[in-house]
Amino acid sequence: MRYYLYVSRAKLDMLFGQIPRKLLSRLVTEAKLDLKLVSVSVQEPREPPGLYDRLDVVEAYLDREYDISWMTESAFWFRGEAGLRIAGGDDISGPVLMTGVEENLVVALIGSARHLVGHQEPSPELGRVGHSWLPSLHRLLEDARPDAGAVNVPALDDRGPLRDVVAFSGRVAGPATSCEFLARQLMRGTVVDPDGRSRHVVIGTPLYVAMSDEIPGA
């Protein structure tokens, strides 16, 4: 069992709906789900599959059809484990950023705060805006600068989100939570931080983030 902190219901619905029906039966078997949960015929499901049932099926499909890499390697989808700190998330209709540092790797996961486990969906009056892309990351980093709006402080460089993430990761307060995750890559590259150290940066948008079995300090 996983203790989930974040599950993107929007990504899950999008990906689950694209799985070919002929493959669905095999994936259900691989994910060890009850066949009654998912109809593999042309008829509508008799019982809608739950959130975590669909997540198991989608993860099995991605494992089968894509070369899912570790976070240190370049691929469309990647897994990872890191101590993550969360920025944003107070506004349920806004973005949330989960960032962590593992040796020389900085990882940043951008998504919508409404997908944090325990958060309620925003009311229809607020609209539904997705934040699983780089423009939302840029706005969050801009708003989080301690001296944002000061007269002589330059704006964030639109061409340098990797450098911005490195700088921001060193300012996020609070304890890190040991997490495992599966994410879609948005950008990666290597930059030099203000101390002259080379940092590899990967930016992605997560399908899920869960607490890992590793206990900090154990």
N, C-alpha and C. Protein backbone atom coordinates (compact mmCIF):
# COMPACT_ATOMS: atom_id res chain seq x y z
N MET A 1 0.83 -1.20 0.00
CA MET A 1 0.00 0.00 0.00
C MET A 1 0.87 1.26 0.00
N ARG A 2 0.39 2.29 -0.68
CA ARG A 2 1.07 3.57 -0.67
C ARG A 2 0.26 4.58 0.14
N TYR A 3 0.96 5.46 0.82
CA TYR A 3 0.31 6.57 1.53
C TYR A 3 0.44 7.79 0.64
N TYR A 4 -0.61 8.06 -0.14
CA TYR A 4 -0.54 9.11 -1.16
C TYR A 4 -0.68 10.50 -0.54
N LEU A 5 0.12 11.42 -1.08
CA LEU A 5 0.01 12.84 -0.73
C LEU A 5 -0.61 13.64 -1.87
N TYR A 6 -0.46 13.14 -3.09
CA TYR A 6 -0.93 13.87 -4.27
C TYR A 6 -1.27 12.85 -5.35
N VAL A 7 -2.45 12.96 -5.93
CA VAL A 7 -2.84 12.15 -7.09
C VAL A 7 -3.55 13.08 -8.07
N SER A 8 -3.02 13.18 -9.28
CA SER A 8 -3.61 14.06 -10.28
C SER A 8 -4.81 13.36 -10.93
N ARG A 9 -5.99 13.71 -10.50
CA ARG A 9 -7.19 13.10 -11.06
C ARG A 9 -7.38 13.50 -12.52
N ALA A 10 -6.95 14.70 -12.88
CA ALA A 10 -7.08 15.15 -14.27
C ALA A 10 -6.21 14.30 -15.20
N LYS A 11 -4.95 14.09 -14.83
CA LYS A 11 -4.08 13.24 -15.66
C LYS A 11 -4.59 11.81 -15.69
N LEU A 12 -5.07 11.33 -14.54
CA LEU A 12 -5.54 9.96 -14.45
C LEU A 12 -6.73 9.72 -15.38
N ASP A 13 -7.70 10.62 -15.36
CA ASP A 13 -8.86 10.48 -16.24
C ASP A 13 -8.44 10.53 -17.71
N MET A 14 -7.53 11.43 -18.04
CA MET A 14 -7.08 11.58 -19.42
C MET A 14 -6.38 10.32 -19.92
N LEU A 15 -5.48 9.76 -19.11
CA LEU A 15 -4.70 8.61 -19.53
C LEU A 15 -5.54 7.33 -19.52
N PHE A 16 -6.36 7.15 -18.50
CA PHE A 16 -7.19 5.95 -18.40
C PHE A 16 -8.12 5.85 -19.61
N GLY A 17 -8.66 6.99 -20.03
CA GLY A 17 -9.59 6.98 -21.14
C GLY A 17 -8.96 6.65 -22.48
N GLN A 18 -7.61 6.68 -22.55
CA GLN A 18 -6.92 6.40 -23.81
C GLN A 18 -6.41 4.96 -23.91
N ILE A 19 -6.56 4.16 -22.86
CA ILE A 19 -6.08 2.78 -22.90
C ILE A 19 -6.97 1.95 -23.81
N PRO A 20 -6.42 1.28 -24.81
CA PRO A 20 -7.24 0.45 -25.70
C PRO A 20 -7.96 -0.64 -24.91
N ARG A 21 -9.22 -0.85 -25.22
CA ARG A 21 -10.03 -1.82 -24.49
C ARG A 21 -9.46 -3.24 -24.58
N LYS A 22 -8.83 -3.56 -25.72
CA LYS A 22 -8.28 -4.91 -25.87
C LYS A 22 -7.13 -5.16 -24.90
N LEU A 23 -6.46 -4.07 -24.51
CA LEU A 23 -5.34 -4.20 -23.58
C LEU A 23 -5.78 -4.10 -22.12
N LEU A 24 -6.97 -3.57 -21.90
CA LEU A 24 -7.43 -3.29 -20.55
C LEU A 24 -7.53 -4.55 -19.69
N SER A 25 -8.03 -5.65 -20.29
CA SER A 25 -8.18 -6.89 -19.53
C SER A 25 -6.84 -7.38 -19.00
N ARG A 26 -5.80 -7.33 -19.85
CA ARG A 26 -4.48 -7.79 -19.43
C ARG A 26 -3.91 -6.91 -18.32
N LEU A 27 -4.12 -5.60 -18.45
CA LEU A 27 -3.61 -4.68 -17.44
C LEU A 27 -4.31 -4.86 -16.11
N VAL A 28 -5.62 -5.13 -16.16
CA VAL A 28 -6.37 -5.38 -14.94
C VAL A 28 -5.81 -6.60 -14.23
N THR A 29 -5.47 -7.65 -15.00
CA THR A 29 -4.90 -8.87 -14.42
C THR A 29 -3.54 -8.57 -13.80
N GLU A 30 -2.70 -7.81 -14.53
CA GLU A 30 -1.37 -7.48 -14.02
C GLU A 30 -1.46 -6.64 -12.75
N ALA A 31 -2.44 -5.75 -12.69
CA ALA A 31 -2.60 -4.90 -11.51
C ALA A 31 -3.33 -5.61 -10.39
N LYS A 32 -3.78 -6.86 -10.65
CA LYS A 32 -4.44 -7.70 -9.63
C LYS A 32 -5.70 -7.05 -9.10
N LEU A 33 -6.49 -6.48 -10.03
CA LEU A 33 -7.75 -5.86 -9.65
C LEU A 33 -8.89 -6.84 -9.85
N ASP A 34 -9.98 -6.55 -9.19
CA ASP A 34 -11.20 -7.33 -9.37
C ASP A 34 -11.76 -7.03 -10.75
N LEU A 35 -11.95 -8.07 -11.59
CA LEU A 35 -12.44 -7.87 -12.95
C LEU A 35 -13.81 -7.21 -12.98
N LYS A 36 -14.55 -7.30 -11.90
CA LYS A 36 -15.86 -6.68 -11.88
C LYS A 36 -15.77 -5.16 -11.91
N LEU A 37 -14.60 -4.62 -11.55
CA LEU A 37 -14.47 -3.18 -11.46
C LEU A 37 -14.39 -2.52 -12.83
N VAL A 38 -13.85 -3.24 -13.82
CA VAL A 38 -13.64 -2.64 -15.12
C VAL A 38 -14.22 -3.53 -16.19
N SER A 39 -15.08 -2.99 -17.02
CA SER A 39 -15.65 -3.73 -18.13
C SER A 39 -14.69 -3.70 -19.30
N VAL A 40 -14.41 -4.87 -19.89
CA VAL A 40 -13.51 -4.93 -21.03
C VAL A 40 -14.30 -5.20 -22.31
N SER A 41 -15.61 -5.13 -22.23
CA SER A 41 -16.44 -5.27 -23.41
C SER A 41 -16.78 -3.89 -23.95
N VAL A 42 -17.59 -3.85 -25.00
CA VAL A 42 -17.97 -2.57 -25.58
C VAL A 42 -19.05 -1.89 -24.76
N GLN A 43 -19.58 -2.57 -23.75
CA GLN A 43 -20.60 -1.99 -22.91
C GLN A 43 -19.96 -1.09 -21.86
N GLU A 44 -20.78 -0.25 -21.24
CA GLU A 44 -20.29 0.62 -20.19
C GLU A 44 -19.98 -0.21 -18.93
N PRO A 45 -19.02 0.21 -18.13
CA PRO A 45 -18.72 -0.51 -16.89
C PRO A 45 -19.96 -0.61 -16.00
N ARG A 46 -20.14 -1.79 -15.42
CA ARG A 46 -21.26 -1.96 -14.50
C ARG A 46 -21.01 -1.21 -13.20
N GLU A 47 -19.76 -1.08 -12.85
CA GLU A 47 -19.40 -0.39 -11.62
C GLU A 47 -18.16 0.46 -11.91
N PRO A 48 -18.23 1.77 -11.75
CA PRO A 48 -17.07 2.61 -12.09
C PRO A 48 -15.86 2.26 -11.23
N PRO A 49 -14.68 2.13 -11.82
CA PRO A 49 -13.48 1.85 -11.03
C PRO A 49 -13.13 3.04 -10.15
N GLY A 50 -12.59 2.76 -8.99
CA GLY A 50 -12.22 3.81 -8.06
C GLY A 50 -10.93 4.50 -8.49
N LEU A 51 -10.61 5.57 -7.78
CA LEU A 51 -9.44 6.38 -8.10
C LEU A 51 -8.17 5.55 -8.10
N TYR A 52 -7.94 4.77 -7.05
CA TYR A 52 -6.69 4.04 -6.92
C TYR A 52 -6.67 2.80 -7.81
N ASP A 53 -7.84 2.23 -8.12
CA ASP A 53 -7.89 1.15 -9.11
C ASP A 53 -7.44 1.66 -10.47
N ARG A 54 -7.95 2.83 -10.87
CA ARG A 54 -7.56 3.40 -12.15
C ARG A 54 -6.08 3.77 -12.16
N LEU A 55 -5.58 4.24 -11.03
CA LEU A 55 -4.16 4.59 -10.94
C LEU A 55 -3.29 3.36 -11.15
N ASP A 56 -3.66 2.23 -10.55
CA ASP A 56 -2.91 1.00 -10.74
C ASP A 56 -2.88 0.58 -12.21
N VAL A 57 -4.03 0.69 -12.88
CA VAL A 57 -4.11 0.30 -14.29
C VAL A 57 -3.27 1.23 -15.15
N VAL A 58 -3.36 2.54 -14.92
CA VAL A 58 -2.60 3.51 -15.71
C VAL A 58 -1.10 3.31 -15.50
N GLU A 59 -0.68 3.07 -14.26
CA GLU A 59 0.74 2.85 -14.00
C GLU A 59 1.22 1.58 -14.70
N ALA A 60 0.40 0.53 -14.69
CA ALA A 60 0.75 -0.69 -15.41
C ALA A 60 0.86 -0.43 -16.91
N TYR A 61 -0.02 0.40 -17.44
CA TYR A 61 0.02 0.73 -18.87
C TYR A 61 1.29 1.52 -19.21
N LEU A 62 1.62 2.50 -18.39
CA LEU A 62 2.83 3.29 -18.64
C LEU A 62 4.07 2.42 -18.56
N ASP A 63 4.10 1.49 -17.60
CA ASP A 63 5.23 0.57 -17.48
C ASP A 63 5.38 -0.29 -18.74
N ARG A 64 4.25 -0.65 -19.33
CA ARG A 64 4.25 -1.53 -20.50
C ARG A 64 4.63 -0.79 -21.78
N GLU A 65 4.12 0.43 -21.94
CA GLU A 65 4.21 1.13 -23.22
C GLU A 65 5.33 2.17 -23.27
N TYR A 66 5.87 2.57 -22.13
CA TYR A 66 6.89 3.63 -22.10
C TYR A 66 8.14 3.15 -21.38
N ASP A 67 9.24 3.77 -21.73
CA ASP A 67 10.49 3.51 -21.02
C ASP A 67 10.57 4.47 -19.85
N ILE A 68 10.01 4.07 -18.72
CA ILE A 68 10.02 4.93 -17.53
C ILE A 68 11.41 4.87 -16.90
N SER A 69 12.05 6.02 -16.79
CA SER A 69 13.41 6.08 -16.27
C SER A 69 13.40 6.44 -14.78
N TRP A 70 14.58 6.40 -14.19
CA TRP A 70 14.78 6.98 -12.87
C TRP A 70 14.97 8.48 -13.07
N MET A 71 14.78 9.26 -12.03
CA MET A 71 14.77 10.72 -12.15
C MET A 71 16.10 11.29 -12.64
N THR A 72 17.18 10.53 -12.52
CA THR A 72 18.48 11.00 -12.98
C THR A 72 18.68 10.83 -14.48
N GLU A 73 17.77 10.12 -15.15
CA GLU A 73 17.91 9.83 -16.57
C GLU A 73 16.82 10.54 -17.35
N SER A 74 17.10 10.77 -18.62
CA SER A 74 16.16 11.50 -19.47
C SER A 74 15.13 10.56 -20.09
N ALA A 75 13.84 10.83 -19.84
CA ALA A 75 12.75 10.07 -20.43
C ALA A 75 11.47 10.88 -20.26
N PHE A 76 10.46 10.56 -21.07
CA PHE A 76 9.19 11.28 -20.96
C PHE A 76 8.59 11.11 -19.58
N TRP A 77 8.62 9.88 -19.04
CA TRP A 77 8.10 9.59 -17.70
C TRP A 77 9.26 9.15 -16.82
N PHE A 78 9.25 9.57 -15.56
CA PHE A 78 10.32 9.17 -14.65
C PHE A 78 9.78 8.93 -13.24
N ARG A 79 10.44 8.02 -12.56
CA ARG A 79 10.18 7.76 -11.14
C ARG A 79 11.31 8.38 -10.33
N GLY A 80 11.05 8.53 -9.03
CA GLY A 80 12.09 9.05 -8.18
C GLY A 80 11.74 8.92 -6.71
N GLU A 81 12.73 9.13 -5.88
CA GLU A 81 12.56 9.22 -4.43
C GLU A 81 13.41 10.40 -3.96
N ALA A 82 12.81 11.25 -3.15
CA ALA A 82 13.53 12.42 -2.65
C ALA A 82 12.79 12.98 -1.45
N GLY A 83 13.51 13.74 -0.65
CA GLY A 83 12.88 14.49 0.42
C GLY A 83 12.29 15.77 -0.16
N LEU A 84 10.97 15.87 -0.20
CA LEU A 84 10.31 16.99 -0.86
C LEU A 84 9.75 17.98 0.15
N ARG A 85 9.89 19.26 -0.19
CA ARG A 85 9.23 20.34 0.53
C ARG A 85 8.17 20.94 -0.38
N ILE A 86 7.07 21.38 0.21
CA ILE A 86 5.94 21.86 -0.56
C ILE A 86 5.83 23.37 -0.45
N ALA A 87 5.66 24.01 -1.61
CA ALA A 87 5.42 25.45 -1.67
C ALA A 87 4.11 25.67 -2.41
N GLY A 88 3.33 26.63 -1.95
CA GLY A 88 2.00 26.83 -2.53
C GLY A 88 1.04 25.81 -1.94
N GLY A 89 -0.12 25.70 -2.53
CA GLY A 89 -1.09 24.73 -2.05
C GLY A 89 -2.13 25.32 -1.13
N ASP A 90 -1.91 26.52 -0.63
CA ASP A 90 -2.91 27.15 0.24
C ASP A 90 -4.15 27.55 -0.54
N ASP A 91 -3.94 27.98 -1.76
CA ASP A 91 -5.06 28.33 -2.65
C ASP A 91 -5.42 27.10 -3.45
N ILE A 92 -6.60 26.53 -3.20
CA ILE A 92 -6.98 25.27 -3.82
C ILE A 92 -7.09 25.38 -5.33
N SER A 93 -7.30 26.60 -5.84
CA SER A 93 -7.40 26.78 -7.28
C SER A 93 -6.05 27.13 -7.92
N GLY A 94 -5.00 27.18 -7.11
CA GLY A 94 -3.68 27.58 -7.61
C GLY A 94 -2.73 26.41 -7.76
N PRO A 95 -1.46 26.72 -8.05
CA PRO A 95 -0.46 25.67 -8.24
C PRO A 95 0.17 25.24 -6.92
N VAL A 96 0.82 24.08 -6.97
CA VAL A 96 1.62 23.60 -5.85
C VAL A 96 2.94 23.10 -6.42
N LEU A 97 4.03 23.39 -5.72
CA LEU A 97 5.36 22.97 -6.15
C LEU A 97 5.99 22.12 -5.06
N MET A 98 6.44 20.94 -5.44
CA MET A 98 7.15 20.05 -4.53
C MET A 98 8.58 19.93 -5.02
N THR A 99 9.53 20.30 -4.18
CA THR A 99 10.92 20.35 -4.63
C THR A 99 11.85 19.72 -3.60
N GLY A 100 12.91 19.12 -4.11
CA GLY A 100 13.86 18.47 -3.23
C GLY A 100 15.24 18.39 -3.87
N VAL A 101 16.25 18.11 -3.05
CA VAL A 101 17.63 18.02 -3.51
C VAL A 101 18.19 16.68 -3.06
N GLU A 102 18.71 15.93 -4.03
CA GLU A 102 19.37 14.66 -3.75
C GLU A 102 20.77 14.72 -4.36
N GLU A 103 21.78 14.87 -3.51
CA GLU A 103 23.16 15.05 -3.96
C GLU A 103 23.22 16.25 -4.91
N ASN A 104 23.57 16.04 -6.18
CA ASN A 104 23.67 17.16 -7.12
C ASN A 104 22.44 17.30 -8.00
N LEU A 105 21.37 16.59 -7.67
CA LEU A 105 20.14 16.65 -8.45
C LEU A 105 19.09 17.47 -7.71
N VAL A 106 18.49 18.42 -8.41
CA VAL A 106 17.37 19.19 -7.89
C VAL A 106 16.13 18.78 -8.67
N VAL A 107 15.09 18.33 -7.98
CA VAL A 107 13.86 17.91 -8.64
C VAL A 107 12.74 18.87 -8.24
N ALA A 108 11.92 19.25 -9.21
CA ALA A 108 10.79 20.15 -8.97
C ALA A 108 9.57 19.57 -9.66
N LEU A 109 8.49 19.39 -8.90
CA LEU A 109 7.25 18.81 -9.42
C LEU A 109 6.14 19.86 -9.30
N ILE A 110 5.57 20.27 -10.42
CA ILE A 110 4.55 21.30 -10.44
C ILE A 110 3.19 20.68 -10.79
N GLY A 111 2.16 21.05 -10.04
CA GLY A 111 0.82 20.54 -10.30
C GLY A 111 -0.22 21.47 -9.72
N SER A 112 -1.46 21.01 -9.69
CA SER A 112 -2.58 21.80 -9.18
C SER A 112 -2.86 21.41 -7.73
N ALA A 113 -3.03 22.42 -6.89
CA ALA A 113 -3.21 22.18 -5.46
C ALA A 113 -4.45 21.34 -5.16
N ARG A 114 -5.46 21.40 -6.02
CA ARG A 114 -6.69 20.66 -5.76
C ARG A 114 -6.47 19.14 -5.75
N HIS A 115 -5.32 18.68 -6.30
CA HIS A 115 -5.06 17.24 -6.35
C HIS A 115 -4.28 16.75 -5.12
N LEU A 116 -3.95 17.65 -4.19
CA LEU A 116 -3.37 17.21 -2.93
C LEU A 116 -4.41 16.39 -2.17
N VAL A 117 -4.01 15.25 -1.67
CA VAL A 117 -4.95 14.39 -0.95
C VAL A 117 -5.45 15.11 0.29
N GLY A 118 -6.75 15.12 0.46
CA GLY A 118 -7.37 15.82 1.59
C GLY A 118 -7.94 17.16 1.22
N HIS A 119 -7.54 17.71 0.06
CA HIS A 119 -8.11 18.97 -0.41
C HIS A 119 -9.43 18.69 -1.12
N GLN A 120 -10.37 19.57 -0.95
CA GLN A 120 -11.63 19.45 -1.65
C GLN A 120 -11.54 20.13 -3.01
N GLU A 121 -12.37 19.66 -3.93
CA GLU A 121 -12.44 20.30 -5.24
C GLU A 121 -12.99 21.72 -5.09
N PRO A 122 -12.45 22.68 -5.84
CA PRO A 122 -12.98 24.04 -5.76
C PRO A 122 -14.40 24.09 -6.32
N SER A 123 -15.15 25.07 -5.87
CA SER A 123 -16.52 25.21 -6.35
C SER A 123 -16.51 25.56 -7.83
N PRO A 124 -17.59 25.21 -8.56
CA PRO A 124 -17.64 25.52 -10.00
C PRO A 124 -17.47 27.01 -10.30
N GLU A 125 -17.86 27.87 -9.34
CA GLU A 125 -17.75 29.30 -9.57
C GLU A 125 -16.30 29.75 -9.73
N LEU A 126 -15.37 29.00 -9.14
CA LEU A 126 -13.96 29.36 -9.22
C LEU A 126 -13.31 28.92 -10.52
N GLY A 127 -14.00 28.06 -11.27
CA GLY A 127 -13.43 27.57 -12.52
C GLY A 127 -12.43 26.46 -12.26
N ARG A 128 -11.95 25.84 -13.33
CA ARG A 128 -11.00 24.74 -13.24
C ARG A 128 -9.80 25.07 -14.12
N VAL A 129 -8.72 25.51 -13.50
CA VAL A 129 -7.51 25.86 -14.23
C VAL A 129 -6.42 24.86 -13.87
N GLY A 130 -5.78 24.28 -14.88
CA GLY A 130 -4.69 23.35 -14.64
C GLY A 130 -3.37 24.07 -14.47
N HIS A 131 -2.47 23.46 -13.69
CA HIS A 131 -1.17 24.09 -13.43
C HIS A 131 -0.01 23.14 -13.69
N SER A 132 -0.22 22.12 -14.52
CA SER A 132 0.82 21.14 -14.78
C SER A 132 1.68 21.52 -15.96
N TRP A 133 2.19 22.75 -15.94
CA TRP A 133 3.03 23.20 -17.04
C TRP A 133 3.93 24.32 -16.56
N LEU A 134 4.91 24.68 -17.40
CA LEU A 134 5.96 25.62 -16.99
C LEU A 134 5.47 27.03 -16.69
N PRO A 135 4.48 27.59 -17.42
CA PRO A 135 4.04 28.95 -17.05
C PRO A 135 3.57 29.07 -15.61
N SER A 136 2.88 28.06 -15.09
CA SER A 136 2.45 28.11 -13.69
C SER A 136 3.64 28.06 -12.75
N LEU A 137 4.66 27.28 -13.11
CA LEU A 137 5.88 27.24 -12.31
C LEU A 137 6.53 28.61 -12.27
N HIS A 138 6.61 29.28 -13.40
CA HIS A 138 7.23 30.61 -13.46
C HIS A 138 6.48 31.59 -12.56
N ARG A 139 5.14 31.56 -12.63
CA ARG A 139 4.36 32.51 -11.81
C ARG A 139 4.54 32.23 -10.33
N LEU A 140 4.58 30.95 -9.96
CA LEU A 140 4.75 30.61 -8.55
C LEU A 140 6.11 31.07 -8.05
N LEU A 141 7.16 30.85 -8.83
CA LEU A 141 8.50 31.29 -8.42
C LEU A 141 8.58 32.81 -8.32
N GLU A 142 7.94 33.50 -9.25
CA GLU A 142 7.93 34.97 -9.23
C GLU A 142 7.24 35.49 -7.98
N ASP A 143 6.09 34.90 -7.64
CA ASP A 143 5.32 35.35 -6.48
C ASP A 143 6.03 35.03 -5.17
N ALA A 144 6.87 33.97 -5.18
CA ALA A 144 7.50 33.52 -3.94
C ALA A 144 8.80 34.24 -3.63
N ARG A 145 9.29 35.06 -4.53
CA ARG A 145 10.54 35.76 -4.26
C ARG A 145 10.37 36.66 -3.04
N PRO A 146 11.33 36.63 -2.09
CA PRO A 146 11.17 37.42 -0.87
C PRO A 146 11.15 38.93 -1.12
N ASP A 147 11.74 39.37 -2.25
CA ASP A 147 11.78 40.79 -2.55
C ASP A 147 11.06 41.10 -3.85
N ALA A 148 10.03 40.30 -4.16
CA ALA A 148 9.29 40.53 -5.40
C ALA A 148 8.70 41.94 -5.40
N GLY A 149 8.87 42.64 -6.48
CA GLY A 149 8.32 43.99 -6.61
C GLY A 149 9.28 45.08 -6.21
N ALA A 150 10.43 44.73 -5.66
CA ALA A 150 11.40 45.76 -5.30
C ALA A 150 11.92 46.46 -6.55
N VAL A 151 12.31 47.70 -6.40
CA VAL A 151 12.63 48.54 -7.56
C VAL A 151 13.80 47.99 -8.37
N ASN A 152 14.88 47.59 -7.70
CA ASN A 152 16.08 47.20 -8.43
C ASN A 152 16.30 45.70 -8.50
N VAL A 153 15.23 44.94 -8.30
CA VAL A 153 15.34 43.48 -8.36
C VAL A 153 14.89 43.00 -9.73
N PRO A 154 15.76 42.34 -10.49
CA PRO A 154 15.37 41.89 -11.83
C PRO A 154 14.31 40.80 -11.76
N ALA A 155 13.47 40.75 -12.78
CA ALA A 155 12.45 39.71 -12.86
C ALA A 155 13.12 38.38 -13.17
N LEU A 156 12.40 37.29 -12.90
CA LEU A 156 12.90 35.97 -13.25
C LEU A 156 13.09 35.89 -14.77
N ASP A 157 14.09 35.14 -15.17
CA ASP A 157 14.41 34.98 -16.58
C ASP A 157 13.52 33.90 -17.18
N ASP A 158 12.69 34.27 -18.15
CA ASP A 158 11.82 33.29 -18.79
C ASP A 158 12.61 32.15 -19.42
N ARG A 159 13.84 32.43 -19.78
CA ARG A 159 14.67 31.41 -20.43
C ARG A 159 15.43 30.58 -19.41
N GLY A 160 15.31 30.87 -18.12
CA GLY A 160 16.13 30.18 -17.14
C GLY A 160 15.36 29.55 -16.00
N PRO A 161 14.27 28.79 -16.24
CA PRO A 161 13.54 28.17 -15.13
C PRO A 161 14.38 27.18 -14.35
N LEU A 162 15.39 26.58 -14.98
CA LEU A 162 16.25 25.65 -14.26
C LEU A 162 17.03 26.39 -13.18
N ARG A 163 17.60 27.55 -13.52
CA ARG A 163 18.32 28.35 -12.52
C ARG A 163 17.38 28.85 -11.43
N ASP A 164 16.16 29.23 -11.83
CA ASP A 164 15.19 29.72 -10.87
C ASP A 164 14.80 28.64 -9.86
N VAL A 165 14.66 27.41 -10.34
CA VAL A 165 14.30 26.30 -9.46
C VAL A 165 15.42 26.02 -8.45
N VAL A 166 16.67 26.08 -8.91
CA VAL A 166 17.80 25.85 -8.01
C VAL A 166 17.81 26.91 -6.91
N ALA A 167 17.62 28.17 -7.29
CA ALA A 167 17.62 29.24 -6.29
C ALA A 167 16.45 29.09 -5.33
N PHE A 168 15.28 28.75 -5.85
CA PHE A 168 14.08 28.63 -5.02
C PHE A 168 14.19 27.45 -4.05
N SER A 169 14.77 26.33 -4.51
CA SER A 169 14.84 25.14 -3.67
C SER A 169 15.64 25.39 -2.39
N GLY A 170 16.58 26.34 -2.45
CA GLY A 170 17.36 26.65 -1.26
C GLY A 170 16.64 27.56 -0.28
N ARG A 171 15.47 28.08 -0.67
CA ARG A 171 14.73 29.01 0.19
C ARG A 171 13.48 28.39 0.80
N VAL A 172 13.06 27.24 0.31
CA VAL A 172 11.82 26.64 0.83
C VAL A 172 12.04 26.17 2.26
N ALA A 173 11.19 26.65 3.15
CA ALA A 173 11.34 26.33 4.57
C ALA A 173 10.56 25.07 4.93
N GLY A 174 10.81 24.58 6.15
CA GLY A 174 10.08 23.44 6.66
C GLY A 174 10.79 22.14 6.42
N PRO A 175 10.39 21.10 7.17
CA PRO A 175 11.02 19.78 7.02
C PRO A 175 10.65 19.13 5.70
N ALA A 176 11.56 18.33 5.18
CA ALA A 176 11.29 17.57 3.96
C ALA A 176 10.61 16.26 4.31
N THR A 177 9.73 15.81 3.43
CA THR A 177 9.05 14.52 3.58
C THR A 177 9.61 13.55 2.56
N SER A 178 10.05 12.39 3.01
CA SER A 178 10.59 11.39 2.09
C SER A 178 9.46 10.86 1.21
N CYS A 179 9.61 11.02 -0.10
CA CYS A 179 8.52 10.70 -1.03
C CYS A 179 9.02 9.86 -2.19
N GLU A 180 8.10 9.12 -2.78
CA GLU A 180 8.32 8.48 -4.07
C GLU A 180 7.28 9.05 -5.02
N PHE A 181 7.60 9.08 -6.31
CA PHE A 181 6.69 9.73 -7.25
C PHE A 181 6.87 9.18 -8.65
N LEU A 182 5.84 9.43 -9.47
CA LEU A 182 5.86 9.14 -10.90
C LEU A 182 5.42 10.41 -11.61
N ALA A 183 6.22 10.90 -12.55
CA ALA A 183 5.96 12.21 -13.14
C ALA A 183 6.28 12.23 -14.62
N ARG A 184 5.66 13.18 -15.32
CA ARG A 184 5.91 13.44 -16.75
C ARG A 184 6.92 14.57 -16.83
N GLN A 185 8.00 14.35 -17.56
CA GLN A 185 9.04 15.35 -17.66
C GLN A 185 8.57 16.58 -18.44
N LEU A 186 8.93 17.76 -17.93
CA LEU A 186 8.69 19.02 -18.63
C LEU A 186 9.99 19.64 -19.13
N MET A 187 11.05 19.52 -18.34
CA MET A 187 12.34 20.13 -18.71
C MET A 187 13.42 19.53 -17.84
N ARG A 188 14.62 19.44 -18.38
CA ARG A 188 15.78 19.05 -17.57
C ARG A 188 17.03 19.68 -18.17
N GLY A 189 18.07 19.76 -17.34
CA GLY A 189 19.32 20.34 -17.80
C GLY A 189 20.27 20.54 -16.64
N THR A 190 21.43 21.09 -16.92
CA THR A 190 22.46 21.31 -15.90
C THR A 190 22.78 22.80 -15.83
N VAL A 191 22.85 23.32 -14.61
CA VAL A 191 23.17 24.73 -14.39
C VAL A 191 24.21 24.83 -13.29
N VAL A 192 24.78 26.00 -13.16
CA VAL A 192 25.74 26.28 -12.08
C VAL A 192 25.04 27.16 -11.05
N ASP A 193 25.07 26.71 -9.78
CA ASP A 193 24.38 27.48 -8.75
C ASP A 193 25.23 28.66 -8.29
N PRO A 194 24.68 29.54 -7.43
CA PRO A 194 25.45 30.73 -6.99
C PRO A 194 26.76 30.40 -6.30
N ASP A 195 26.90 29.17 -5.77
CA ASP A 195 28.15 28.79 -5.11
C ASP A 195 29.14 28.16 -6.08
N GLY A 196 28.79 28.13 -7.37
CA GLY A 196 29.71 27.59 -8.36
C GLY A 196 29.62 26.09 -8.54
N ARG A 197 28.64 25.43 -7.92
CA ARG A 197 28.48 23.99 -8.06
C ARG A 197 27.58 23.65 -9.24
N SER A 198 27.92 22.60 -9.94
CA SER A 198 27.10 22.14 -11.06
C SER A 198 25.91 21.36 -10.51
N ARG A 199 24.71 21.73 -10.94
CA ARG A 199 23.49 21.07 -10.48
C ARG A 199 22.69 20.56 -11.68
N HIS A 200 22.29 19.30 -11.60
CA HIS A 200 21.39 18.76 -12.60
C HIS A 200 19.96 18.99 -12.10
N VAL A 201 19.11 19.51 -12.96
CA VAL A 201 17.75 19.88 -12.58
C VAL A 201 16.76 19.13 -13.47
N VAL A 202 15.73 18.56 -12.84
CA VAL A 202 14.64 17.96 -13.60
C VAL A 202 13.32 18.56 -13.10
N ILE A 203 12.52 19.04 -14.05
CA ILE A 203 11.21 19.60 -13.74
C ILE A 203 10.16 18.69 -14.36
N GLY A 204 9.17 18.31 -13.58
CA GLY A 204 8.12 17.44 -14.08
C GLY A 204 6.78 17.79 -13.47
N THR A 205 5.75 17.13 -13.95
CA THR A 205 4.42 17.27 -13.37
C THR A 205 3.97 15.88 -12.94
N PRO A 206 3.61 15.69 -11.67
CA PRO A 206 3.44 14.34 -11.14
C PRO A 206 2.07 13.73 -11.43
N LEU A 207 2.08 12.42 -11.70
CA LEU A 207 0.84 11.65 -11.69
C LEU A 207 0.46 11.36 -10.24
N TYR A 208 1.47 10.99 -9.44
CA TYR A 208 1.23 10.82 -8.00
C TYR A 208 2.50 11.10 -7.22
N VAL A 209 2.33 11.46 -5.96
CA VAL A 209 3.41 11.57 -4.98
C VAL A 209 2.93 10.86 -3.72
N ALA A 210 3.76 9.99 -3.18
CA ALA A 210 3.39 9.24 -1.98
C ALA A 210 4.55 9.25 -1.01
N MET A 211 4.24 9.09 0.27
CA MET A 211 5.29 8.96 1.27
C MET A 211 6.05 7.67 1.01
N SER A 212 7.37 7.72 1.06
CA SER A 212 8.18 6.51 0.86
C SER A 212 8.29 5.75 2.16
N ASP A 213 8.79 4.52 2.05
CA ASP A 213 8.96 3.68 3.23
C ASP A 213 10.19 4.08 4.04
N GLU A 214 11.03 4.93 3.46
CA GLU A 214 12.22 5.38 4.17
C GLU A 214 11.86 6.44 5.20
N ILE A 215 12.22 6.23 6.43
CA ILE A 215 11.94 7.17 7.50
C ILE A 215 13.13 8.10 7.69
N PRO A 216 12.96 9.44 7.59
CA PRO A 216 14.09 10.36 7.75
C PRO A 216 14.77 10.17 9.10
N GLY A 217 16.10 10.09 9.04
CA GLY A 217 16.87 9.96 10.27
C GLY A 217 16.96 8.55 10.81
N ALA A 218 16.31 7.58 10.10
CA ALA A 218 16.33 6.20 10.59
C ALA A 218 17.65 5.56 10.26
